[in-house]
């Protein structure tokens, strides 16, 4: 099992640790609810060093990314980040990714930890068809084992991070980034994150991890900064209706079904993988859709629970579910037959063989 450069700090802080995506990761520290509410109201730090980082460089970089991702990479400018996904050629999704543009021939893909090797193989195979080389010093390079990453999230996050930076960062726009010094380290500071609470992600070389860690806790001392585990990361993203790969999207779900039409761009000069199929789905519609729902009856929806119409007709299944720490009710996401996808529609979650009433709602939940 792999570790991150911060693993020993988590263990020393009393984290409940468990295997995730091949890494020994902190699941919770003070408790999921406490950590969740800390990020919504203050600031928390997540170790997300397990995420993958893949460089795509050279004169063919843009052409490759236009081929393998659904969003329009040509719309990026230097310092801009784009959320996208990689269609798999069978109507599903290889992974959802962030695309960073450094310049016209230099891009960084940030991918999900559990998918890093799968993504790398997919990118290399498509790059090889265009004559691109993979490996150190080449156009395609997997730097995942060299880079660590902290996400500092919450409404107070940037006040803390500003104390570690020599230049102003508080007014940086959402989904932009800068190469800069953070805590005296060469870093990429990215105004992104998967909590919907504001903040940033900081990428640095592994060897600089101790310096960044010490500086962050010194800067956060007066702001109530707390360690946050993967448990609260999941509840935070679910409250905002963000998809989790492996739950809400995977190799069998299309971006149109998943409500990701907004990152599926049919630009005139963009012939990406699965374009004809996805274009047809967008025009003709799909038979199922990913929706959000709130529980009306008592119960907590869980991944894999069946969804039904009010009369018990099977209509789909829950992909993600929890008791919302902010709303104090059960919330979830799941695929349902398209006839049941309209907000306001009554559905039911089957919990212990009983129909428990729920309502389809527009996302986000909070």
Protein backbone atom coordinates (compact mmCIF):
# COMPACT_ATOMS: atom_id res chain seq x y z
CA UNK A 1 0.00 0.00 0.00
CA UNK A 2 1.34 3.40 -0.97
CA UNK A 3 1.73 6.36 1.36
CA UNK A 4 1.79 10.10 0.73
CA UNK A 5 4.43 12.51 2.08
CA UNK A 6 1.87 13.53 4.72
CA UNK A 7 0.86 10.06 5.96
CA UNK A 8 2.93 10.15 9.14
CA UNK A 9 1.34 13.50 10.09
CA UNK A 10 -2.14 11.99 9.75
CA UNK A 11 -1.27 9.01 11.92
CA UNK A 12 0.27 11.31 14.54
CA UNK A 13 -2.95 13.37 14.52
CA UNK A 14 -4.99 10.26 15.34
CA UNK A 15 -6.65 9.78 11.97
CA UNK A 16 -8.67 6.67 11.23
CA UNK A 17 -6.71 5.32 8.28
CA UNK A 18 -7.82 2.93 5.55
CA UNK A 19 -6.82 1.81 2.06
CA UNK A 20 -8.18 3.99 -0.74
CA UNK A 21 -7.09 3.69 -4.37
CA UNK A 22 -4.01 1.77 -3.24
CA UNK A 23 -2.98 4.42 -0.67
CA UNK A 24 -3.09 4.49 3.12
CA UNK A 25 -5.39 7.50 3.48
CA UNK A 26 -7.09 9.33 6.38
CA UNK A 27 -10.84 8.66 6.42
CA UNK A 28 -11.68 10.87 9.40
CA UNK A 29 -10.09 12.76 12.28
CA UNK A 30 -12.63 14.43 14.62
CA UNK A 31 -15.65 12.87 12.90
CA UNK A 32 -17.26 13.32 9.48
CA UNK A 33 -19.99 15.72 10.60
CA UNK A 34 -17.59 17.95 12.54
CA UNK A 35 -15.11 18.00 9.68
CA UNK A 36 -17.84 18.66 7.11
CA UNK A 37 -19.25 21.64 9.03
CA UNK A 38 -15.74 22.98 9.65
CA UNK A 39 -15.17 23.22 5.89
CA UNK A 40 -18.57 24.80 5.25
CA UNK A 41 -18.00 27.50 7.90
CA UNK A 42 -14.23 27.81 8.33
CA UNK A 43 -11.29 25.99 6.80
CA UNK A 44 -9.97 22.47 6.49
CA UNK A 45 -7.02 20.76 4.83
CA UNK A 46 -7.27 17.57 2.78
CA UNK A 47 -4.36 15.41 1.69
CA UNK A 48 -5.17 14.67 -1.95
CA UNK A 49 -1.69 13.55 -2.94
CA UNK A 50 -3.13 10.27 -4.22
CA UNK A 51 -4.53 12.08 -7.27
CA UNK A 52 -2.71 11.54 -10.56
CA UNK A 53 -0.85 14.17 -12.60
CA UNK A 54 -0.07 13.60 -16.29
CA UNK A 55 1.76 16.07 -18.52
CA UNK A 56 0.83 16.47 -22.19
CA UNK A 57 3.30 18.61 -24.12
CA UNK A 58 4.48 19.54 -27.60
CA UNK A 59 2.97 20.73 -30.89
CA UNK A 60 0.41 17.88 -30.91
CA UNK A 61 -0.75 18.41 -27.31
CA UNK A 62 -3.88 20.36 -28.16
CA UNK A 63 -4.89 17.96 -30.93
CA UNK A 64 -4.55 14.99 -28.59
CA UNK A 65 -6.57 16.64 -25.82
CA UNK A 66 -9.28 17.66 -28.29
CA UNK A 67 -9.45 14.02 -29.32
CA UNK A 68 -9.57 12.41 -25.87
CA UNK A 69 -11.63 14.91 -23.84
CA UNK A 70 -15.23 16.01 -24.22
CA UNK A 71 -14.81 19.70 -23.40
CA UNK A 72 -13.36 22.26 -25.83
CA UNK A 73 -9.70 22.61 -24.84
CA UNK A 74 -9.24 25.30 -27.49
CA UNK A 75 -11.19 27.66 -25.22
CA UNK A 76 -8.48 27.50 -22.54
CA UNK A 77 -5.95 30.27 -22.07
CA UNK A 78 -2.71 30.30 -20.06
CA UNK A 79 -3.53 29.90 -16.37
CA UNK A 80 -7.03 28.51 -16.93
CA UNK A 81 -8.40 25.17 -15.67
CA UNK A 82 -11.18 23.16 -17.33
CA UNK A 83 -13.35 20.36 -15.98
CA UNK A 84 -13.83 17.61 -18.56
CA UNK A 85 -14.17 13.88 -19.06
CA UNK A 86 -12.59 11.28 -21.31
CA UNK A 87 -15.12 9.22 -23.33
CA UNK A 88 -14.11 5.56 -23.67
CA UNK A 89 -15.28 4.77 -27.20
CA UNK A 90 -18.18 2.65 -25.92
CA UNK A 91 -20.48 5.40 -24.68
CA UNK A 92 -18.97 5.47 -21.17
CA UNK A 93 -16.39 7.53 -19.33
CA UNK A 94 -12.74 6.60 -18.76
CA UNK A 95 -12.45 9.30 -16.09
CA UNK A 96 -13.40 12.86 -15.23
CA UNK A 97 -10.38 15.14 -15.26
CA UNK A 98 -9.06 18.66 -14.78
CA UNK A 99 -7.12 20.15 -17.69
CA UNK A 100 -4.58 22.89 -16.87
CA UNK A 101 -3.15 25.03 -19.68
CA UNK A 102 0.34 26.41 -18.98
CA UNK A 103 0.94 27.51 -22.57
CA UNK A 104 -0.12 26.48 -26.06
CA UNK A 105 2.05 23.35 -25.93
CA UNK A 106 2.00 22.49 -22.21
CA UNK A 107 -0.96 20.98 -20.36
CA UNK A 108 -1.41 19.08 -17.10
CA UNK A 109 -4.18 16.53 -16.57
CA UNK A 110 -5.21 15.84 -12.99
CA UNK A 111 -6.98 12.49 -12.77
CA UNK A 112 -8.65 10.33 -10.13
CA UNK A 113 -6.32 8.22 -8.01
CA UNK A 114 -8.02 4.90 -8.70
CA UNK A 115 -7.87 5.55 -12.45
CA UNK A 116 -4.34 6.86 -12.87
CA UNK A 117 -2.88 3.75 -14.52
CA UNK A 118 -6.00 3.20 -16.66
CA UNK A 119 -5.95 6.85 -17.75
CA UNK A 120 -2.22 6.77 -18.46
CA UNK A 121 -2.60 3.69 -20.69
CA UNK A 122 -5.53 5.29 -22.53
CA UNK A 123 -3.67 8.57 -23.09
CA UNK A 124 -0.52 6.78 -24.24
CA UNK A 125 -2.46 4.62 -26.70
CA UNK A 126 -4.20 7.61 -28.24
CA UNK A 127 -0.98 9.63 -28.24
CA UNK A 128 0.91 6.81 -29.98
CA UNK A 129 -1.59 6.96 -32.85
CA UNK A 130 -0.49 10.56 -33.33
CA UNK A 131 3.22 9.73 -33.07
CA UNK A 132 3.64 11.08 -29.53
CA UNK A 133 6.22 9.49 -27.23
CA UNK A 134 5.69 8.58 -23.58
CA UNK A 135 8.16 8.65 -20.72
CA UNK A 136 10.53 11.02 -18.94
CA UNK A 137 11.48 13.97 -21.16
CA UNK A 138 8.87 13.08 -23.76
CA UNK A 139 5.53 14.59 -24.76
CA UNK A 140 3.55 12.36 -22.41
CA UNK A 141 4.76 11.97 -18.84
CA UNK A 142 3.13 10.50 -15.74
CA UNK A 143 4.41 12.61 -12.84
CA UNK A 144 1.97 11.24 -10.26
CA UNK A 145 4.64 9.74 -7.99
CA UNK A 146 6.63 12.99 -7.88
CA UNK A 147 3.90 15.47 -6.93
CA UNK A 148 1.91 15.85 -3.72
CA UNK A 149 -1.16 17.96 -3.23
CA UNK A 150 -3.07 19.64 -0.41
CA UNK A 151 -6.58 21.04 -0.78
CA UNK A 152 -7.29 23.94 1.58
CA UNK A 153 -11.04 24.42 1.50
CA UNK A 154 -13.66 26.64 3.13
CA UNK A 155 -14.59 30.34 3.34
CA UNK A 156 -11.45 31.12 5.40
CA UNK A 157 -9.08 29.04 3.25
CA UNK A 158 -7.63 31.84 1.13
CA UNK A 159 -6.97 34.04 4.18
CA UNK A 160 -4.77 31.24 5.48
CA UNK A 161 -3.06 30.53 2.16
CA UNK A 162 -2.41 34.24 1.60
CA UNK A 163 -0.15 34.24 4.66
CA UNK A 164 2.15 31.77 2.86
CA UNK A 165 2.31 33.74 -0.41
CA UNK A 166 4.30 36.83 -1.40
CA UNK A 167 1.75 37.93 -4.02
CA UNK A 168 -1.98 38.50 -3.61
CA UNK A 169 -4.12 35.43 -4.27
CA UNK A 170 -7.47 36.34 -2.71
CA UNK A 171 -8.94 37.72 -5.94
CA UNK A 172 -7.93 34.85 -8.20
CA UNK A 173 -10.89 33.64 -10.25
CA UNK A 174 -12.49 30.24 -9.88
CA UNK A 175 -10.82 27.61 -12.07
CA UNK A 176 -7.62 29.56 -12.65
CA UNK A 177 -4.10 28.80 -11.41
CA UNK A 178 -0.63 30.28 -11.05
CA UNK A 179 2.89 28.94 -10.82
CA UNK A 180 4.25 30.70 -7.76
CA UNK A 181 6.07 30.35 -4.45
CA UNK A 182 3.96 29.05 -1.58
CA UNK A 183 5.65 28.69 1.81
CA UNK A 184 8.95 29.26 0.00
CA UNK A 185 8.32 26.28 -2.30
CA UNK A 186 7.82 26.19 -6.06
CA UNK A 187 4.13 25.41 -6.40
CA UNK A 188 1.04 25.43 -8.54
CA UNK A 189 -1.77 27.25 -6.74
CA UNK A 190 -5.13 26.31 -8.23
CA UNK A 191 -8.47 27.87 -7.31
CA UNK A 192 -10.27 24.56 -7.54
CA UNK A 193 -11.52 21.87 -5.18
CA UNK A 194 -14.37 19.41 -4.82
CA UNK A 195 -16.25 20.79 -1.82
CA UNK A 196 -18.10 23.82 -3.22
CA UNK A 197 -16.91 25.75 -0.15
CA UNK A 198 -14.18 27.84 -1.80
CA UNK A 199 -10.44 27.56 -1.40
CA UNK A 200 -7.60 26.13 -3.43
CA UNK A 201 -5.37 23.18 -4.18
CA UNK A 202 -1.59 23.41 -3.83
CA UNK A 203 0.71 21.16 -5.90
CA UNK A 204 4.37 20.82 -4.89
CA UNK A 205 7.25 18.37 -5.26
CA UNK A 206 7.22 15.56 -2.70
CA UNK A 207 10.46 16.72 -1.12
CA UNK A 208 8.88 20.07 -0.18
CA UNK A 209 5.98 18.47 1.71
CA UNK A 210 7.36 18.97 5.26
CA UNK A 211 7.99 22.67 4.63
CA UNK A 212 4.51 23.29 3.22
CA UNK A 213 2.84 21.30 6.01
CA UNK A 214 4.58 23.25 8.77
CA UNK A 215 3.88 26.61 7.14
CA UNK A 216 0.22 25.81 6.56
CA UNK A 217 -0.47 24.95 10.20
CA UNK A 218 1.39 28.05 11.36
CA UNK A 219 -0.68 30.19 8.98
CA UNK A 220 -3.92 28.50 10.02
CA UNK A 221 -3.38 28.73 13.77
CA UNK A 222 -5.70 31.70 14.22
CA UNK A 223 -8.40 30.45 11.86
CA UNK A 224 -9.40 27.13 13.38
CA UNK A 225 -7.85 25.09 10.56
CA UNK A 226 -8.56 21.37 10.92
CA UNK A 227 -7.49 18.14 9.28
CA UNK A 228 -10.25 16.70 7.06
CA UNK A 229 -10.51 13.11 5.87
CA UNK A 230 -11.95 11.45 2.80
CA UNK A 231 -15.25 10.78 4.56
CA UNK A 232 -16.11 14.47 4.77
CA UNK A 233 -14.70 15.05 1.30
CA UNK A 234 -17.40 12.67 0.06
CA UNK A 235 -20.29 14.28 1.97
CA UNK A 236 -19.16 17.77 0.94
CA UNK A 237 -19.05 16.93 -2.76
CA UNK A 238 -22.39 15.13 -2.58
CA UNK A 239 -24.14 18.14 -1.02
CA UNK A 240 -22.99 20.12 -4.06
CA UNK A 241 -24.10 17.43 -6.52
CA UNK A 242 -20.58 16.72 -7.81
CA UNK A 243 -20.11 13.33 -9.46
CA UNK A 244 -17.77 10.76 -7.95
CA UNK A 245 -16.12 8.41 -10.41
CA UNK A 246 -16.91 4.81 -9.59
CA UNK A 247 -20.26 5.80 -8.06
CA UNK A 248 -22.09 8.34 -10.22
CA UNK A 249 -20.07 7.96 -13.40
CA UNK A 250 -18.01 5.09 -14.79
CA UNK A 251 -17.22 3.13 -17.93
CA UNK A 252 -20.94 2.37 -18.43
CA UNK A 253 -22.41 5.88 -18.02
CA UNK A 254 -22.40 8.53 -20.71
CA UNK A 255 -21.79 12.21 -19.89
CA UNK A 256 -25.21 13.03 -21.34
CA UNK A 257 -26.94 10.58 -18.99
CA UNK A 258 -24.87 11.97 -16.10
CA UNK A 259 -25.95 15.56 -16.68
CA UNK A 260 -22.51 16.49 -17.98
CA UNK A 261 -23.72 17.88 -21.29
CA UNK A 262 -22.22 21.20 -20.19
CA UNK A 263 -18.72 19.72 -20.53
CA UNK A 264 -19.56 17.92 -23.80
CA UNK A 265 -18.88 20.46 -26.56
CA UNK A 266 -19.62 19.71 -30.21
CA UNK A 267 -17.33 22.37 -31.64
CA UNK A 268 -17.01 22.43 -35.44
CA UNK A 269 -13.36 21.33 -35.50
CA UNK A 270 -13.44 18.92 -32.52
CA UNK A 271 -13.73 15.24 -33.50
CA UNK A 272 -13.51 13.62 -30.10
CA UNK A 273 -14.02 10.00 -29.09
CA UNK A 274 -17.73 9.01 -29.06
CA UNK A 275 -18.81 12.35 -30.57
CA UNK A 276 -21.40 10.82 -32.98
CA UNK A 277 -22.99 8.76 -30.21
CA UNK A 278 -23.08 11.60 -27.68
CA UNK A 279 -24.37 14.04 -30.29
CA UNK A 280 -27.19 11.63 -31.04
CA UNK A 281 -27.97 11.20 -27.34
CA UNK A 282 -28.14 14.94 -26.86
CA UNK A 283 -30.48 15.32 -29.84
CA UNK A 284 -32.73 12.30 -29.30
CA UNK A 285 -32.59 12.02 -25.52
CA UNK A 286 -31.59 9.15 -23.23
CA UNK A 287 -33.61 6.55 -21.38
CA UNK A 288 -32.11 7.28 -17.96
CA UNK A 289 -30.71 10.32 -16.20
CA UNK A 290 -28.67 11.04 -13.10
CA UNK A 291 -30.77 13.04 -10.63
CA UNK A 292 -30.55 14.37 -7.12
CA UNK A 293 -33.22 13.56 -4.56
CA UNK A 294 -34.12 14.40 -0.97
CA UNK A 295 -35.73 11.97 1.41
CA UNK A 296 -39.24 12.82 2.56
CA UNK A 297 -39.65 9.69 4.63
CA UNK A 298 -37.22 8.64 7.35
CA UNK A 299 -34.13 6.90 6.07
CA UNK A 300 -30.66 7.34 4.62
CA UNK A 301 -30.12 6.36 0.97
CA UNK A 302 -26.99 4.31 0.31
CA UNK A 303 -25.07 3.35 -2.81
CA UNK A 304 -26.76 0.42 -4.52
CA UNK A 305 -30.23 0.85 -3.01
CA UNK A 306 -33.02 0.39 -5.56
CA UNK A 307 -35.16 3.35 -6.66
CA UNK A 308 -38.81 2.97 -7.55
CA UNK A 309 -41.85 4.91 -8.62
CA UNK A 310 -44.50 5.65 -5.96
CA UNK A 311 -46.24 2.41 -6.93
CA UNK A 312 -43.10 0.32 -6.55
CA UNK A 313 -42.19 0.18 -10.25
CA UNK A 314 -38.39 -0.26 -10.54
CA UNK A 315 -36.86 2.88 -12.10
CA UNK A 316 -33.16 2.82 -11.18
CA UNK A 317 -30.70 2.79 -8.30
CA UNK A 318 -28.85 5.04 -5.88
CA UNK A 319 -25.28 5.90 -6.86
CA UNK A 320 -24.41 8.13 -3.87
CA UNK A 321 -26.27 8.83 -0.65
CA UNK A 322 -25.78 10.18 2.85
CA UNK A 323 -27.35 12.07 5.72
CA UNK A 324 -26.60 15.69 4.82
CA UNK A 325 -24.72 17.32 7.72
CA UNK A 326 -26.09 20.74 6.68
CA UNK A 327 -29.70 19.81 5.87
CA UNK A 328 -30.07 17.05 8.49
CA UNK A 329 -32.00 14.89 6.01
CA UNK A 330 -31.06 12.05 3.68
CA UNK A 331 -29.93 13.11 0.22
CA UNK A 332 -28.72 11.13 -2.73
CA UNK A 333 -28.03 10.85 -6.41
CA UNK A 334 -29.02 8.05 -8.73
CA UNK A 335 -29.98 7.05 -12.24
CA UNK A 336 -33.71 6.94 -12.92
CA UNK A 337 -35.84 6.34 -15.99
CA UNK A 338 -36.10 9.67 -17.82
CA UNK A 339 -39.85 9.95 -17.12
CA UNK A 340 -38.98 10.34 -13.42
CA UNK A 341 -36.13 12.86 -13.82
CA UNK A 342 -38.08 16.13 -13.52
CA UNK A 343 -37.54 18.04 -10.24
CA UNK A 344 -40.61 17.72 -8.06
CA UNK A 345 -41.26 14.12 -9.12
CA UNK A 346 -42.08 11.76 -6.27
CA UNK A 347 -40.01 8.57 -6.15
CA UNK A 348 -39.15 6.01 -3.50
CA UNK A 349 -35.97 4.50 -2.13
CA UNK A 350 -36.24 0.85 -1.17
CA UNK A 351 -34.78 0.59 2.33
CA UNK A 352 -35.04 -2.77 4.10
CA UNK A 353 -37.67 -3.87 1.57
CA UNK A 354 -39.87 -0.85 2.25
CA UNK A 355 -40.74 2.04 -0.09
CA UNK A 356 -39.50 5.23 1.58
CA UNK A 357 -40.77 8.42 -0.05
CA UNK A 358 -38.32 10.84 -1.72
CA UNK A 359 -38.50 13.75 -4.16
CA UNK A 360 -36.33 14.56 -7.17
CA UNK A 361 -34.74 17.99 -6.73
CA UNK A 362 -32.48 20.32 -8.68
CA UNK A 363 -28.82 20.20 -7.72
CA UNK A 364 -26.96 21.36 -5.68
CA UNK A 365 -28.59 20.39 -2.39
CA UNK A 366 -26.96 23.30 -0.52
